[in-house]
Amino acid sequence: MLFFGREDIYIGYSINEFSKVRGILESKGIKYTYKVINQSEQWLGQGTLRGNFGSIGMNKSYEKQYVISVKKKDSENAIFWVNSVLHP
């Protein structure tokens, strides 16, 4: 998603991949921002999804989504390094 001159270069559910991506970006000196979206804590009606429906049947592997963004001018370089660490 392009947002105020930033581009998402990684969107995923794996904390291991998230850590690898952050590590390679830091080692290459590419500045980034990230956010963690907890799907079970999203509001629905008068409470959260988990509060309204419980957590039975929820796949814990997909509970948190990780998003890493970089400046648009750094995106091509960042994507190259992300692919090198995720798809060697």
Protein backbone atom coordinates (compact mmCIF):
# COMPACT_ATOMS: atom_id res chain seq x y z
CA MET A 1 0.00 0.00 0.00
CA LEU A 2 1.34 3.40 -0.92
CA PHE A 3 0.81 5.80 1.94
CA PHE A 4 2.45 9.23 2.18
CA GLY A 5 5.50 8.25 0.15
CA ARG A 6 5.86 4.82 1.76
CA GLU A 7 5.45 1.38 0.30
CA ASP A 8 4.73 -1.91 2.06
CA ILE A 9 7.49 -4.34 1.16
CA TYR A 10 6.52 -7.18 3.49
CA ILE A 11 3.12 -8.35 4.67
CA GLY A 12 3.01 -11.70 6.40
CA TYR A 13 2.12 -13.78 9.42
CA SER A 14 5.49 -15.34 10.32
CA ILE A 15 7.46 -13.81 13.18
CA ASN A 16 10.55 -15.59 11.84
CA GLU A 17 10.23 -13.99 8.39
CA PHE A 18 9.43 -10.65 10.01
CA SER A 19 12.66 -10.88 12.03
CA LYS A 20 14.70 -11.84 8.95
CA VAL A 21 13.31 -8.91 6.96
CA ARG A 22 14.01 -6.44 9.75
CA GLY A 23 17.51 -7.84 10.15
CA ILE A 24 18.46 -7.52 6.48
CA LEU A 25 17.05 -4.00 6.25
CA GLU A 26 18.98 -2.93 9.34
CA SER A 27 22.21 -4.52 8.06
CA LYS A 28 21.87 -2.68 4.73
CA GLY A 29 21.05 0.63 6.41
CA ILE A 30 17.55 0.88 4.97
CA LYS A 31 15.18 2.76 7.26
CA TYR A 32 11.78 1.18 7.74
CA THR A 33 8.65 1.30 9.83
CA TYR A 34 6.52 -1.62 10.89
CA LYS A 35 3.21 -2.42 12.46
CA VAL A 36 1.72 -5.52 14.01
CA ILE A 37 -1.98 -6.06 13.50
CA ASN A 38 -3.60 -8.42 16.00
CA GLN A 39 -6.63 -9.84 14.18
CA SER A 40 -8.32 -11.12 17.35
CA GLU A 41 -8.24 -7.69 18.99
CA GLN A 42 -10.12 -5.90 16.22
CA TRP A 43 -13.35 -4.31 17.34
CA LEU A 44 -16.66 -5.70 16.17
CA GLY A 45 -19.83 -4.26 17.61
CA GLN A 46 -19.53 -3.89 21.35
CA GLY A 47 -16.23 -5.70 21.78
CA THR A 48 -13.32 -7.45 20.16
CA LEU A 49 -13.66 -10.48 17.91
CA ARG A 50 -12.21 -12.72 20.59
CA GLY A 51 -14.41 -11.10 23.24
CA ASN A 52 -17.55 -11.65 21.19
CA PHE A 53 -16.85 -15.12 19.81
CA GLY A 54 -13.99 -16.59 21.88
CA SER A 55 -10.83 -18.04 20.39
CA ILE A 56 -12.04 -21.56 19.59
CA GLY A 57 -11.41 -22.30 15.94
CA MET A 58 -8.96 -19.44 15.47
CA ASN A 59 -5.69 -20.43 13.85
CA LYS A 60 -3.01 -18.93 16.10
CA SER A 61 -0.58 -18.88 13.15
CA TYR A 62 -2.69 -16.17 11.51
CA GLU A 63 -3.61 -14.15 14.58
CA LYS A 64 -0.95 -11.46 14.02
CA GLN A 65 -0.11 -9.81 10.72
CA TYR A 66 3.23 -8.05 10.27
CA VAL A 67 3.67 -5.15 7.84
CA ILE A 68 7.01 -3.49 7.01
CA SER A 69 7.14 -0.26 4.99
CA VAL A 70 9.97 1.78 3.51
CA LYS A 71 10.20 5.09 1.70
CA LYS A 72 9.17 4.83 -1.94
CA LYS A 73 12.68 5.77 -3.10
CA ASP A 74 14.15 2.83 -1.12
CA SER A 75 11.53 0.25 -2.10
CA GLU A 76 13.29 -1.34 -5.07
CA ASN A 77 16.52 -1.87 -3.12
CA ALA A 78 14.62 -3.10 -0.06
CA ILE A 79 12.55 -5.59 -2.07
CA PHE A 80 15.76 -7.00 -3.58
CA TRP A 81 17.23 -7.63 -0.12
CA VAL A 82 13.97 -8.98 1.30
CA ASN A 83 13.71 -11.48 -1.54
CA SER A 84 17.35 -12.48 -1.05
CA VAL A 85 16.71 -13.41 2.58
CA LEU A 86 13.24 -14.97 2.15
CA HIS A 87 13.87 -16.81 -1.14
CA PRO A 88 17.58 -17.74 -1.21
